[in-house]
Amino acid sequence: MEENLLSELQEIKQLTLLGVKQALTMNDTALLTGLSKSHLYKLVMQKKIPYYKSQGGKITYFNKDEIIAWQLQHRVKTTNEVETEAATYLVTGKKGGGYV
């Protein structure tokens, strides 16, 4: 039980620090995104995720705001948005609806 409590306190500490940090390590980014470190390494190697390297090039860092923006870049429209866009197109012949 004591071990569980210590583990939970450590997780709370990590999440609290994650809330105030702007430059994230690989571990921080894995915690923030829910992606495994190995998947993050793969994305870095393929240059599919924004990242920074330390001066010597050994440590990979991520900007928290950029990672959140990266996660949210492929928005899927709701059914209502698609229906509104289709109705607008049928009435005006133009793509519309104001959604991205």
C-alpha atoms as a PDB file:
ATOM      1  CA  MET A   1       0.000   0.000   0.000  1.00  0.00           C
ATOM      2  CA  GLU A   2       2.812   2.406   0.873  1.00  0.00           C
ATOM      3  CA  GLU A   3       4.438   1.644  -2.471  1.00  0.00           C
ATOM      4  CA  ASN A   4       1.178   2.496  -4.279  1.00  0.00           C
ATOM      5  CA  LEU A   5       0.920   5.777  -2.414  1.00  0.00           C
ATOM      6  CA  LEU A   6       4.498   6.729  -3.295  1.00  0.00           C
ATOM      7  CA  SER A   7       3.865   5.841  -6.938  1.00  0.00           C
ATOM      8  CA  GLU A   8       0.712   7.980  -7.035  1.00  0.00           C
ATOM      9  CA  LEU A   9       2.509  10.905  -5.382  1.00  0.00           C
ATOM     10  CA  GLN A  10       5.311  10.646  -7.954  1.00  0.00           C
ATOM     11  CA  GLU A  11       2.742  10.721 -10.777  1.00  0.00           C
ATOM     12  CA  ILE A  12       1.040  13.783  -9.247  1.00  0.00           C
ATOM     13  CA  LYS A  13       4.429  15.493  -8.984  1.00  0.00           C
ATOM     14  CA  GLN A  14       5.213  14.747 -12.651  1.00  0.00           C
ATOM     15  CA  LEU A  15       1.833  16.046 -13.815  1.00  0.00           C
ATOM     16  CA  THR A  16       2.196  19.194 -11.705  1.00  0.00           C
ATOM     17  CA  LEU A  17       5.653  19.924 -13.137  1.00  0.00           C
ATOM     18  CA  LEU A  18       4.341  19.223 -16.632  1.00  0.00           C
ATOM     19  CA  GLY A  19       1.788  21.992 -16.128  1.00  0.00           C
ATOM     20  CA  VAL A  20       4.457  24.660 -15.619  1.00  0.00           C
ATOM     21  CA  LYS A  21       7.200  23.472 -17.989  1.00  0.00           C
ATOM     22  CA  GLN A  22       7.475  24.865 -21.524  1.00  0.00           C
ATOM     23  CA  ALA A  23      10.481  22.836 -22.713  1.00  0.00           C
ATOM     24  CA  LEU A  24       9.662  19.155 -22.415  1.00  0.00           C
ATOM     25  CA  THR A  25      11.894  16.098 -22.358  1.00  0.00           C
ATOM     26  CA  MET A  26      11.028  12.868 -24.143  1.00  0.00           C
ATOM     27  CA  ASN A  27       9.504  11.497 -20.913  1.00  0.00           C
ATOM     28  CA  ASP A  28       7.456  14.668 -20.393  1.00  0.00           C
ATOM     29  CA  THR A  29       6.184  14.560 -23.969  1.00  0.00           C
ATOM     30  CA  ALA A  30       5.242  10.896 -23.670  1.00  0.00           C
ATOM     31  CA  LEU A  31       3.279  11.731 -20.523  1.00  0.00           C
ATOM     32  CA  LEU A  32       1.604  14.748 -22.141  1.00  0.00           C
ATOM     33  CA  THR A  33       0.612  13.007 -25.378  1.00  0.00           C
ATOM     34  CA  GLY A  34       0.035   9.473 -24.169  1.00  0.00           C
ATOM     35  CA  LEU A  35       2.399   8.241 -26.911  1.00  0.00           C
ATOM     36  CA  SER A  36       5.178   5.803 -26.120  1.00  0.00           C
ATOM     37  CA  LYS A  37       8.759   7.030 -26.122  1.00  0.00           C
ATOM     38  CA  SER A  38       9.589   4.622 -28.938  1.00  0.00           C
ATOM     39  CA  HIS A  39       6.794   6.082 -31.070  1.00  0.00           C
ATOM     40  CA  LEU A  40       8.013   9.604 -30.306  1.00  0.00           C
ATOM     41  CA  TYR A  41      11.551   8.611 -31.348  1.00  0.00           C
ATOM     42  CA  LYS A  42      10.123   7.258 -34.601  1.00  0.00           C
ATOM     43  CA  LEU A  43       8.236  10.520 -35.250  1.00  0.00           C
ATOM     44  CA  VAL A  44      11.408  12.513 -34.520  1.00  0.00           C
ATOM     45  CA  MET A  45      13.491  10.385 -36.887  1.00  0.00           C
ATOM     46  CA  GLN A  46      10.864  10.847 -39.623  1.00  0.00           C
ATOM     47  CA  LYS A  47      10.660  14.587 -38.807  1.00  0.00           C
ATOM     48  CA  LYS A  48       6.897  14.318 -38.362  1.00  0.00           C
ATOM     49  CA  ILE A  49       6.822  16.108 -35.013  1.00  0.00           C
ATOM     50  CA  PRO A  50       8.330  19.491 -34.079  1.00  0.00           C
ATOM     51  CA  TYR A  51      11.376  19.102 -31.839  1.00  0.00           C
ATOM     52  CA  TYR A  52      14.658  20.671 -30.752  1.00  0.00           C
ATOM     53  CA  LYS A  53      18.086  19.183 -30.056  1.00  0.00           C
ATOM     54  CA  SER A  54      20.546  20.157 -27.353  1.00  0.00           C
ATOM     55  CA  GLN A  55      23.750  21.879 -28.461  1.00  0.00           C
ATOM     56  CA  GLY A  56      25.600  18.565 -28.554  1.00  0.00           C
ATOM     57  CA  GLY A  57      22.645  16.920 -30.274  1.00  0.00           C
ATOM     58  CA  LYS A  58      22.199  14.186 -27.669  1.00  0.00           C
ATOM     59  CA  ILE A  59      19.021  15.387 -25.959  1.00  0.00           C
ATOM     60  CA  THR A  60      15.688  15.927 -27.695  1.00  0.00           C
ATOM     61  CA  TYR A  61      13.349  18.632 -26.410  1.00  0.00           C
ATOM     62  CA  PHE A  62       9.825  19.611 -27.361  1.00  0.00           C
ATOM     63  CA  ASN A  63       7.945  22.904 -27.020  1.00  0.00           C
ATOM     64  CA  LYS A  64       4.731  22.196 -25.135  1.00  0.00           C
ATOM     65  CA  ASP A  65       2.586  24.618 -27.172  1.00  0.00           C
ATOM     66  CA  GLU A  66       3.926  23.199 -30.444  1.00  0.00           C
ATOM     67  CA  ILE A  67       3.174  19.640 -29.335  1.00  0.00           C
ATOM     68  CA  ILE A  68      -0.393  20.543 -28.392  1.00  0.00           C
ATOM     69  CA  ALA A  69      -0.855  22.329 -31.745  1.00  0.00           C
ATOM     70  CA  TRP A  70       0.644  19.300 -33.532  1.00  0.00           C
ATOM     71  CA  GLN A  71      -1.808  16.991 -31.770  1.00  0.00           C
ATOM     72  CA  LEU A  72      -4.751  19.176 -32.777  1.00  0.00           C
ATOM     73  CA  GLN A  73      -3.807  19.808 -36.410  1.00  0.00           C
ATOM     74  CA  HIS A  74      -6.080  17.198 -38.012  1.00  0.00           C
ATOM     75  CA  ARG A  75      -9.530  18.163 -36.826  1.00  0.00           C
ATOM     76  CA  VAL A  76     -12.433  15.961 -37.908  1.00  0.00           C
ATOM     77  CA  LYS A  77     -15.694  17.756 -38.636  1.00  0.00           C
ATOM     78  CA  THR A  78     -18.825  16.799 -36.733  1.00  0.00           C
ATOM     79  CA  THR A  79     -21.781  15.333 -38.577  1.00  0.00           C
ATOM     80  CA  ASN A  80     -23.645  18.605 -38.041  1.00  0.00           C
ATOM     81  CA  GLU A  81     -20.787  20.601 -39.607  1.00  0.00           C
ATOM     82  CA  VAL A  82     -20.691  18.307 -42.638  1.00  0.00           C
ATOM     83  CA  GLU A  83     -24.472  18.513 -43.059  1.00  0.00           C
ATOM     84  CA  THR A  84     -24.406  22.313 -42.777  1.00  0.00           C
ATOM     85  CA  GLU A  85     -21.616  22.512 -45.333  1.00  0.00           C
ATOM     86  CA  ALA A  86     -23.506  20.188 -47.697  1.00  0.00           C
ATOM     87  CA  ALA A  87     -26.704  22.214 -47.353  1.00  0.00           C
ATOM     88  CA  THR A  88     -24.798  25.444 -48.022  1.00  0.00           C
ATOM     89  CA  TYR A  89     -23.239  23.887 -51.105  1.00  0.00           C
ATOM     90  CA  LEU A  90     -26.607  22.713 -52.423  1.00  0.00           C
ATOM     91  CA  VAL A  91     -28.159  26.163 -51.947  1.00  0.00           C
ATOM     92  CA  THR A  92     -25.283  28.363 -53.122  1.00  0.00           C
ATOM     93  CA  GLY A  93     -23.109  26.010 -55.162  1.00  0.00           C
ATOM     94  CA  LYS A  94     -20.150  27.121 -53.031  1.00  0.00           C
ATOM     95  CA  LYS A  95     -18.272  25.301 -50.330  1.00  0.00           C
ATOM     96  CA  GLY A  96     -19.038  27.040 -47.069  1.00  0.00           C
ATOM     97  CA  GLY A  97     -20.165  26.641 -43.527  1.00  0.00           C
ATOM     98  CA  GLY A  98     -17.167  28.397 -42.021  1.00  0.00           C
ATOM     99  CA  TYR A  99     -15.536  25.219 -40.728  1.00  0.00           C
ATOM    100  CA  VAL A 100     -11.969  24.171 -41.252  1.00  0.00           C
END
